[in-house]
Amino acid sequence: MTTSPANLANARVIAPQSIEETIWSDSQALGSQLQMLRERLFPPSAEKELRRFSSPEVAKLIGVTESYIRHLALAAEGPSPDKTAGGRRAYTLEHVHELRRFLGNSKPAYLPNRRSGDHLQVIAVTNFKGGSGKTTTAAHLAQYLALHGHRVLAVDLDPQASMSALFGYQPEFDVGENQTLYGAICYDKPRQLSDIIRTTYFSGLDLVPGNLELHEFEHDTPRVLASREHADDMFFLRVAEALRSVDDRYDVVVIDCPPQLGFLTMSALCAATSVLITVHPQMLDIASMNQFLAMTSNLLSVVKEAGGNLDYDWMRYLVTRYEPNDAPQAQIVAFLRNLFGERVLTAMMVKSTAISDAGLSKQTIYEATKDSMHRQTYERALESMDSVNSEIEQLVLKAWGRATE
């Protein structure tokens, strides 16, 4: 088929899209496809649901023997588990929490929650180098702590909102105006944080979702500083004040910080009681982290002089996406341990196809099942993630003065 001169003339009349129009068009097309994909995975009438846990898994989570779990079920003590088609017992996460409360009546150590005098733990997961595993770390840490009986609030402070998507919320469709943390920390008519928090399918784990609206805080703050508005309510206090309003509802808050050192990150660092810095063991990432640390130190010094709180219980570096057979990575890890000592977590997050495979269906390794992928790959990834998060949990317990329980 040939094109006539008239058609060519008409084609020239339609001007090509500008770059901003092209980007917007691509954004809308991609968003539409993501929404269609989500609706195929999770129909509008359905809600994302956490899988059931077997008796051996429950025993491991609570810290008792499998035979004791079976004994409790046979004696009808504690919650009544569901039954699979094969007759096996299957426990929801709420069942697991009920079992903890039942056992905690006679032995409080089964209940890891905050006690009188324990302060809220706020863990800021941060690094301004993309690809360091920050969101993967934050999401798995929040879920691990909930699985082990803590009351957890996950805060998605990253405008890209990857953690929100992982929890089943498509940021451009499911999160509206003033429904992110920005709604609670904005300078004009902030909302109560309790009105923004959403419950999740993960019992014991709530979420403050994110989306592009969070960028507004980065734009508003310079204007406020320049005009001296809200002089008695500095930007670096706003996240802490919002979290203080729900202090009694949670044991641990996990904040997924933005991948840049802006006003949001600074406010999160001033709200934090602990800081976890993710590190990918590649030389370019280490060089980037050096710049991040230098900038953070300078900015935090200014904030501290202005009255910001930087009294941390702990600060640790977590090696992520580690490949055990990669000799250069092993050398970099040894270099970091020699340089920073105990500030580098002993456990490392191993790079695994199991985590990537689970992410294809917007799941974490804690949500995926053994039969959804190669069993050994799954078990290695789970062991690695458990080791990392157990070490962090011990730091939390130590901050509460009971690390040896």
Protein backbone atom coordinates (compact mmCIF):
# COMPACT_ATOMS: atom_id res chain seq x y z
CA MET A 1 0.00 0.00 0.00
CA THR A 2 1.46 3.36 -1.04
CA THR A 3 1.02 6.65 0.76
CA SER A 4 -0.37 9.50 -1.31
CA PRO A 5 1.11 13.01 -1.17
CA ALA A 6 -2.15 14.15 0.44
CA ASN A 7 -1.72 11.66 3.24
CA LEU A 8 1.87 12.74 3.73
CA ALA A 9 0.74 16.33 3.96
CA ASN A 10 -1.89 15.44 6.55
CA ALA A 11 0.72 13.51 8.52
CA ARG A 12 2.92 16.59 8.65
CA VAL A 13 0.06 18.66 10.05
CA ILE A 14 -0.04 16.44 13.19
CA ALA A 15 2.92 17.70 15.17
CA PRO A 16 4.97 15.12 17.05
CA GLN A 17 4.42 14.93 20.79
CA SER A 18 6.63 17.04 22.99
CA ILE A 19 8.83 15.14 25.42
CA GLU A 20 6.56 15.95 28.37
CA GLU A 21 3.52 14.77 26.41
CA THR A 22 5.31 11.57 25.45
CA ILE A 23 6.29 10.90 29.05
CA TRP A 24 2.74 11.58 30.25
CA SER A 25 1.30 9.31 27.55
CA ASP A 26 3.72 6.54 28.49
CA SER A 27 2.82 6.98 32.18
CA GLN A 28 -0.89 6.65 31.47
CA ALA A 29 -0.40 3.61 29.23
CA LEU A 30 1.83 1.89 31.80
CA GLY A 31 -0.53 2.73 34.66
CA SER A 32 -3.46 1.31 32.75
CA GLN A 33 -1.61 -1.93 32.04
CA LEU A 34 -0.54 -2.26 35.67
CA GLN A 35 -4.15 -1.80 36.76
CA MET A 36 -5.25 -4.53 34.32
CA LEU A 37 -2.53 -6.83 35.61
CA ARG A 38 -3.58 -6.20 39.19
CA GLU A 39 -7.20 -6.92 38.39
CA ARG A 40 -6.19 -10.24 36.84
CA LEU A 41 -4.12 -11.17 39.90
CA PHE A 42 -6.59 -9.71 42.40
CA PRO A 43 -10.10 -9.15 40.99
CA PRO A 44 -11.94 -6.02 42.23
CA SER A 45 -14.25 -8.20 44.31
CA ALA A 46 -11.30 -9.91 46.00
CA GLU A 47 -8.86 -8.70 48.63
CA LYS A 48 -5.26 -9.75 48.92
CA GLU A 49 -5.08 -12.47 51.53
CA LEU A 50 -2.20 -13.96 53.47
CA ARG A 51 -1.68 -17.70 53.18
CA ARG A 52 -2.26 -20.13 56.07
CA PHE A 53 0.60 -21.54 58.12
CA SER A 54 1.28 -25.19 58.91
CA SER A 55 1.85 -26.53 62.43
CA PRO A 56 5.67 -26.69 61.96
CA GLU A 57 5.68 -23.06 60.76
CA VAL A 58 3.57 -21.95 63.72
CA ALA A 59 5.84 -23.77 66.15
CA LYS A 60 8.88 -22.01 64.65
CA LEU A 61 7.21 -18.59 64.76
CA ILE A 62 6.18 -18.91 68.41
CA GLY A 63 9.27 -20.77 69.62
CA VAL A 64 7.76 -24.05 70.81
CA THR A 65 7.85 -27.64 69.56
CA GLU A 66 5.57 -28.90 66.83
CA SER A 67 4.29 -31.62 69.18
CA TYR A 68 3.19 -28.93 71.65
CA ILE A 69 1.21 -27.14 68.91
CA ARG A 70 -0.47 -30.45 68.05
CA HIS A 71 -1.19 -31.07 71.75
CA LEU A 72 -2.87 -27.67 72.11
CA ALA A 73 -5.01 -28.33 69.03
CA LEU A 74 -6.07 -31.79 70.23
CA ALA A 75 -6.88 -30.45 73.70
CA ALA A 76 -8.86 -27.59 72.14
CA GLU A 77 -6.70 -25.06 73.98
CA GLY A 78 -6.20 -21.78 72.20
CA PRO A 79 -7.70 -20.97 68.79
CA SER A 80 -9.21 -23.66 66.56
CA PRO A 81 -7.19 -23.93 63.32
CA ASP A 82 -8.72 -24.45 59.91
CA LYS A 83 -8.43 -27.80 58.13
CA THR A 84 -7.09 -28.28 54.61
CA ALA A 85 -8.68 -30.64 52.10
CA GLY A 86 -6.09 -33.20 53.17
CA GLY A 87 -7.04 -32.88 56.83
CA ARG A 88 -3.95 -30.92 57.90
CA ARG A 89 -4.24 -28.05 60.35
CA ALA A 90 -3.82 -24.58 58.84
CA TYR A 91 -3.43 -21.45 60.97
CA THR A 92 -4.11 -17.85 59.98
CA LEU A 93 -1.72 -15.22 61.28
CA GLU A 94 -4.48 -14.08 63.65
CA HIS A 95 -4.57 -17.65 65.00
CA VAL A 96 -0.83 -17.40 65.64
CA HIS A 97 -1.32 -14.13 67.54
CA GLU A 98 -4.14 -15.74 69.58
CA LEU A 99 -1.85 -18.65 70.46
CA ARG A 100 0.80 -16.20 71.65
CA ARG A 101 -1.72 -14.42 73.84
CA PHE A 102 -2.94 -17.78 75.23
CA LEU A 103 0.60 -18.91 76.05
CA GLY A 104 1.50 -15.44 77.33
CA ASN A 105 -1.05 -15.77 80.12
CA SER A 106 1.34 -18.14 81.87
CA LYS A 107 4.65 -16.98 80.38
CA PRO A 108 4.90 -13.30 79.33
CA ALA A 109 8.03 -13.99 77.27
CA TYR A 110 5.76 -15.31 74.51
CA LEU A 111 4.46 -11.77 74.09
CA PRO A 112 7.19 -9.55 72.56
CA ASN A 113 5.14 -6.34 72.68
CA ARG A 114 6.30 -3.14 74.32
CA ARG A 115 5.93 -3.03 78.07
CA SER A 116 5.63 -0.16 80.48
CA GLY A 117 8.60 2.14 79.98
CA ASP A 118 9.53 0.80 76.52
CA HIS A 119 9.63 3.52 73.89
CA LEU A 120 8.26 3.17 70.39
CA GLN A 121 10.92 1.84 68.03
CA VAL A 122 11.06 3.82 64.78
CA ILE A 123 13.41 2.26 62.24
CA ALA A 124 14.35 4.41 59.23
CA VAL A 125 15.53 2.28 56.29
CA THR A 126 17.56 4.55 54.06
CA ASN A 127 20.12 5.06 51.29
CA PHE A 128 19.96 7.44 48.36
CA LYS A 129 21.42 4.95 45.88
CA GLY A 130 18.70 3.19 43.91
CA GLY A 131 18.85 -0.59 43.73
CA SER A 132 20.27 -1.08 47.21
CA GLY A 133 17.31 -3.21 48.31
CA LYS A 134 15.82 -0.56 50.57
CA THR A 135 12.15 -1.28 49.90
CA THR A 136 12.68 -5.06 49.91
CA THR A 137 14.39 -4.69 53.27
CA ALA A 138 11.69 -2.47 54.78
CA ALA A 139 8.77 -4.63 53.61
CA HIS A 140 10.29 -7.91 54.77
CA LEU A 141 11.36 -6.42 58.10
CA ALA A 142 7.85 -5.11 58.77
CA GLN A 143 6.30 -8.47 57.91
CA TYR A 144 8.83 -10.45 59.94
CA LEU A 145 8.16 -8.36 63.04
CA ALA A 146 4.40 -8.80 62.58
CA LEU A 147 4.84 -12.56 62.12
CA HIS A 148 6.70 -12.65 65.43
CA GLY A 149 4.01 -10.85 67.39
CA HIS A 150 4.91 -7.18 67.22
CA ARG A 151 2.38 -4.48 66.41
CA VAL A 152 3.88 -2.85 63.33
CA LEU A 153 3.23 0.29 61.30
CA ALA A 154 4.90 0.42 57.88
CA VAL A 155 5.29 3.93 56.47
CA ASP A 156 5.90 4.35 52.75
CA LEU A 157 7.70 7.67 52.53
CA ASP A 158 9.01 7.03 49.01
CA PRO A 159 6.98 8.87 46.32
CA GLN A 160 7.60 5.90 44.01
CA ALA A 161 5.46 3.89 46.49
CA SER A 162 6.96 0.48 45.73
CA MET A 163 6.19 -0.78 49.23
CA SER A 164 2.55 0.30 48.88
CA ALA A 165 2.31 -1.65 45.63
CA LEU A 166 3.81 -4.67 47.35
CA PHE A 167 1.01 -4.48 49.93
CA GLY A 168 -1.61 -4.41 47.18
CA TYR A 169 -2.17 -0.66 46.73
CA GLN A 170 -1.68 0.80 43.25
CA PRO A 171 -0.57 4.34 44.22
CA GLU A 172 -2.21 6.22 41.33
CA PHE A 173 -5.54 4.42 41.71
CA ASP A 174 -5.93 3.46 45.38
CA VAL A 175 -4.27 6.37 47.21
CA GLY A 176 -6.00 9.72 46.90
CA GLU A 177 -5.28 13.27 47.98
CA ASN A 178 -4.02 13.60 51.57
CA GLN A 179 -4.05 9.81 52.01
CA THR A 180 -0.27 9.55 52.38
CA LEU A 181 1.88 10.73 55.28
CA TYR A 182 1.91 14.10 53.55
CA GLY A 183 -1.70 14.52 54.67
CA ALA A 184 -0.53 14.38 58.30
CA ILE A 185 2.65 16.47 57.97
CA CYS A 186 1.57 19.18 55.50
CA TYR A 187 1.69 22.76 56.75
CA ASP A 188 -1.91 23.67 55.97
CA LYS A 189 -4.70 21.80 57.74
CA PRO A 190 -2.94 18.48 58.41
CA ARG A 191 -5.08 15.39 59.00
CA GLN A 192 -4.86 13.00 61.93
CA LEU A 193 -2.48 10.16 61.10
CA SER A 194 -4.99 7.71 62.52
CA ASP A 195 -7.37 8.67 59.68
CA ILE A 196 -4.73 7.84 57.06
CA ILE A 197 -3.49 4.50 58.41
CA ARG A 198 -4.83 1.44 56.61
CA THR A 199 -5.09 -2.07 57.94
CA THR A 200 -3.58 -4.78 55.74
CA TYR A 201 -4.20 -8.46 55.07
CA PHE A 202 -1.18 -9.08 57.35
CA SER A 203 -2.62 -9.29 60.88
CA GLY A 204 -0.75 -6.93 63.21
CA LEU A 205 0.68 -4.85 60.35
CA ASP A 206 -0.81 -1.50 59.31
CA LEU A 207 0.32 0.74 56.45
CA VAL A 208 0.62 4.43 55.65
CA PRO A 209 0.70 4.28 51.84
CA GLY A 210 2.64 6.56 49.55
CA ASN A 211 2.35 8.13 46.12
CA LEU A 212 3.68 11.14 44.18
CA GLU A 213 1.87 13.50 46.57
CA LEU A 214 4.80 13.09 48.98
CA HIS A 215 6.87 15.31 46.67
CA GLU A 216 4.70 18.22 47.82
CA PHE A 217 6.52 18.28 51.16
CA GLU A 218 9.80 18.87 49.32
CA HIS A 219 8.22 21.83 47.50
CA ASP A 220 6.32 23.28 50.48
CA THR A 221 9.17 23.27 52.99
CA PRO A 222 11.50 25.77 51.21
CA ARG A 223 8.57 28.16 50.85
CA VAL A 224 7.74 27.85 54.55
CA LEU A 225 11.38 28.32 55.55
CA ALA A 226 11.74 31.37 53.31
CA SER A 227 8.57 33.02 54.58
CA ARG A 228 9.21 32.01 58.21
CA GLU A 229 5.74 30.51 58.42
CA HIS A 230 5.25 27.94 61.17
CA ALA A 231 8.45 29.15 62.82
CA ASP A 232 7.75 27.15 65.96
CA ASP A 233 7.00 23.95 64.02
CA MET A 234 10.13 23.07 62.07
CA PHE A 235 9.97 20.61 59.18
CA PHE A 236 12.21 18.06 60.88
CA LEU A 237 9.73 17.63 63.75
CA ARG A 238 6.67 16.87 61.66
CA VAL A 239 7.07 13.12 61.10
CA ALA A 240 7.90 12.58 64.77
CA GLU A 241 4.83 14.56 65.84
CA ALA A 242 2.58 12.58 63.52
CA LEU A 243 3.91 9.26 64.84
CA ARG A 244 3.56 10.44 68.42
CA SER A 245 -0.20 10.67 67.90
CA VAL A 246 -0.40 6.86 67.41
CA ASP A 247 2.41 5.91 69.78
CA ASP A 248 0.24 3.67 71.96
CA ARG A 249 -0.99 1.55 69.03
CA TYR A 250 2.36 0.12 67.88
CA ASP A 251 5.59 -1.47 69.03
CA VAL A 252 7.67 -0.76 65.92
CA VAL A 253 7.41 1.65 63.01
CA VAL A 254 9.36 0.82 59.83
CA ILE A 255 9.89 3.76 57.47
CA ASP A 256 10.86 3.20 53.85
CA CYS A 257 12.67 6.48 53.16
CA PRO A 258 12.93 8.15 49.73
CA PRO A 259 16.09 7.48 47.67
CA GLN A 260 17.33 11.01 48.17
CA LEU A 261 18.45 13.16 51.06
CA GLY A 262 15.62 15.70 51.07
CA PHE A 263 13.30 17.19 53.68
CA LEU A 264 11.24 13.98 53.94
CA THR A 265 14.29 11.87 54.68
CA MET A 266 15.65 14.39 57.17
CA SER A 267 12.32 14.51 58.99
CA ALA A 268 12.21 10.70 59.06
CA LEU A 269 15.75 10.53 60.46
CA CYS A 270 14.75 12.97 63.21
CA ALA A 271 11.73 10.81 64.06
CA ALA A 272 13.77 7.61 64.10
CA THR A 273 15.12 5.82 67.13
CA SER A 274 17.25 3.58 64.89
CA VAL A 275 18.73 3.76 61.40
CA LEU A 276 19.31 0.92 58.95
CA ILE A 277 21.43 1.78 55.90
CA THR A 278 21.27 -0.69 53.03
CA VAL A 279 24.53 -1.35 51.15
CA HIS A 280 24.97 -3.17 47.86
CA PRO A 281 28.56 -4.51 47.90
CA GLN A 282 29.76 -2.95 44.63
CA MET A 283 32.48 -0.30 44.52
CA LEU A 284 30.30 2.31 42.79
CA ASP A 285 27.62 1.81 45.44
CA ILE A 286 30.20 2.14 48.22
CA ALA A 287 31.46 5.39 46.69
CA SER A 288 27.88 6.66 46.50
CA MET A 289 27.29 5.67 50.12
CA ASN A 290 30.35 7.69 51.12
CA GLN A 291 28.75 10.80 49.62
CA PHE A 292 25.45 9.94 51.32
CA LEU A 293 27.14 9.64 54.73
CA ALA A 294 29.05 12.92 54.30
CA MET A 295 25.91 14.83 53.27
CA THR A 296 23.82 13.23 56.00
CA SER A 297 26.37 14.13 58.67
CA ASN A 298 26.50 17.77 57.57
CA LEU A 299 22.73 18.17 57.38
CA LEU A 300 22.06 16.36 60.65
CA SER A 301 24.55 18.64 62.41
CA VAL A 302 22.53 21.66 61.29
CA VAL A 303 19.27 19.99 62.33
CA LYS A 304 20.69 19.03 65.72
CA GLU A 305 21.74 22.62 66.39
CA ALA A 306 18.15 23.67 65.58
CA GLY A 307 16.76 21.22 68.15
CA GLY A 308 16.34 18.01 66.18
CA ASN A 309 16.48 14.69 68.03
CA LEU A 310 19.31 12.40 66.91
CA ASP A 311 19.48 10.13 69.95
CA TYR A 312 19.54 6.73 68.22
CA ASP A 313 19.41 3.36 69.95
CA TRP A 314 21.45 1.88 67.12
CA MET A 315 22.68 2.42 63.57
CA ARG A 316 23.62 -0.50 61.35
CA TYR A 317 24.69 -1.21 57.78
CA LEU A 318 22.96 -4.11 56.04
CA VAL A 319 24.67 -5.79 53.10
CA THR A 320 22.00 -6.52 50.48
CA ARG A 321 21.83 -8.47 47.21
CA TYR A 322 24.93 -10.36 48.29
CA GLU A 323 26.24 -13.11 46.00
CA PRO A 324 28.26 -15.62 48.07
CA ASN A 325 30.31 -16.82 45.08
CA ASP A 326 31.30 -13.32 43.98
CA ALA A 327 34.89 -12.81 45.19
CA PRO A 328 34.97 -8.98 44.69
CA GLN A 329 31.76 -8.66 46.76
CA ALA A 330 33.32 -10.77 49.51
CA GLN A 331 36.33 -8.44 49.53
CA ILE A 332 34.11 -5.38 49.81
CA VAL A 333 32.16 -6.96 52.70
CA ALA A 334 35.43 -7.75 54.50
CA PHE A 335 36.54 -4.15 53.88
CA LEU A 336 33.32 -2.80 55.40
CA ARG A 337 33.52 -5.09 58.43
CA ASN A 338 37.12 -4.07 59.05
CA LEU A 339 36.17 -0.40 58.75
CA PHE A 340 32.85 -0.30 60.64
CA GLY A 341 33.07 -3.35 62.93
CA GLU A 342 29.81 -4.31 64.65
CA ARG A 343 27.91 -1.57 62.85
CA VAL A 344 27.74 -3.97 59.89
CA LEU A 345 25.08 -6.60 60.56
CA THR A 346 26.47 -10.11 60.73
CA ALA A 347 23.67 -11.49 58.57
CA MET A 348 23.45 -10.44 54.93
CA MET A 349 20.52 -10.37 52.53
CA VAL A 350 21.50 -12.86 49.86
CA LYS A 351 20.52 -12.15 46.26
CA SER A 352 17.91 -14.72 45.32
CA THR A 353 15.64 -15.51 42.39
CA ALA A 354 13.07 -16.61 45.00
CA ILE A 355 12.56 -12.99 46.12
CA SER A 356 12.35 -11.81 42.50
CA ASP A 357 9.92 -14.60 41.59
CA ALA A 358 7.69 -13.75 44.55
CA GLY A 359 7.77 -10.09 43.55
CA LEU A 360 6.29 -10.88 40.14
CA SER A 361 2.96 -11.49 41.89
CA LYS A 362 3.52 -8.65 44.38
CA GLN A 363 4.49 -10.99 47.18
CA THR A 364 7.36 -11.20 49.63
CA ILE A 365 9.21 -14.39 50.51
CA TYR A 366 7.07 -14.54 53.67
CA GLU A 367 3.88 -14.61 51.59
CA ALA A 368 5.06 -17.07 48.95
CA THR A 369 4.70 -20.83 49.47
CA LYS A 370 7.31 -23.55 49.09
CA ASP A 371 5.48 -25.12 46.18
CA SER A 372 5.47 -21.86 44.18
CA MET A 373 9.18 -22.15 43.33
CA HIS A 374 12.20 -24.42 43.65
CA ARG A 375 12.18 -25.67 47.24
CA GLN A 376 15.90 -25.22 47.99
CA THR A 377 15.94 -21.75 46.45
CA TYR A 378 12.94 -20.79 48.58
CA GLU A 379 14.47 -22.18 51.78
CA ARG A 380 17.82 -20.43 51.23
CA ALA A 381 16.09 -17.10 50.63
CA LEU A 382 13.87 -17.56 53.68
CA GLU A 383 16.83 -18.50 55.88
CA SER A 384 18.77 -15.44 54.72
CA MET A 385 15.83 -13.09 55.31
CA ASP A 386 15.07 -14.60 58.71
CA SER A 387 18.71 -14.23 59.80
CA VAL A 388 18.78 -10.55 58.87
CA ASN A 389 15.47 -9.71 60.51
CA SER A 390 16.14 -11.78 63.62
CA GLU A 391 19.33 -9.82 64.18
CA ILE A 392 17.42 -6.55 63.83
CA GLU A 393 14.71 -7.79 66.20
CA GLN A 394 17.40 -8.52 68.78
CA LEU A 395 18.56 -4.91 68.50
CA VAL A 396 14.98 -3.79 69.15
CA LEU A 397 14.69 -6.05 72.18
CA LYS A 398 18.07 -4.85 73.46
CA ALA A 399 16.84 -1.26 73.22
CA TRP A 400 13.96 -2.36 75.45
CA GLY A 401 16.38 -4.00 77.88
CA ARG A 402 15.42 -7.66 77.27
CA ALA A 403 17.60 -9.02 74.49
CA THR A 404 18.26 -12.32 76.26
CA GLU A 405 14.62 -13.40 76.63
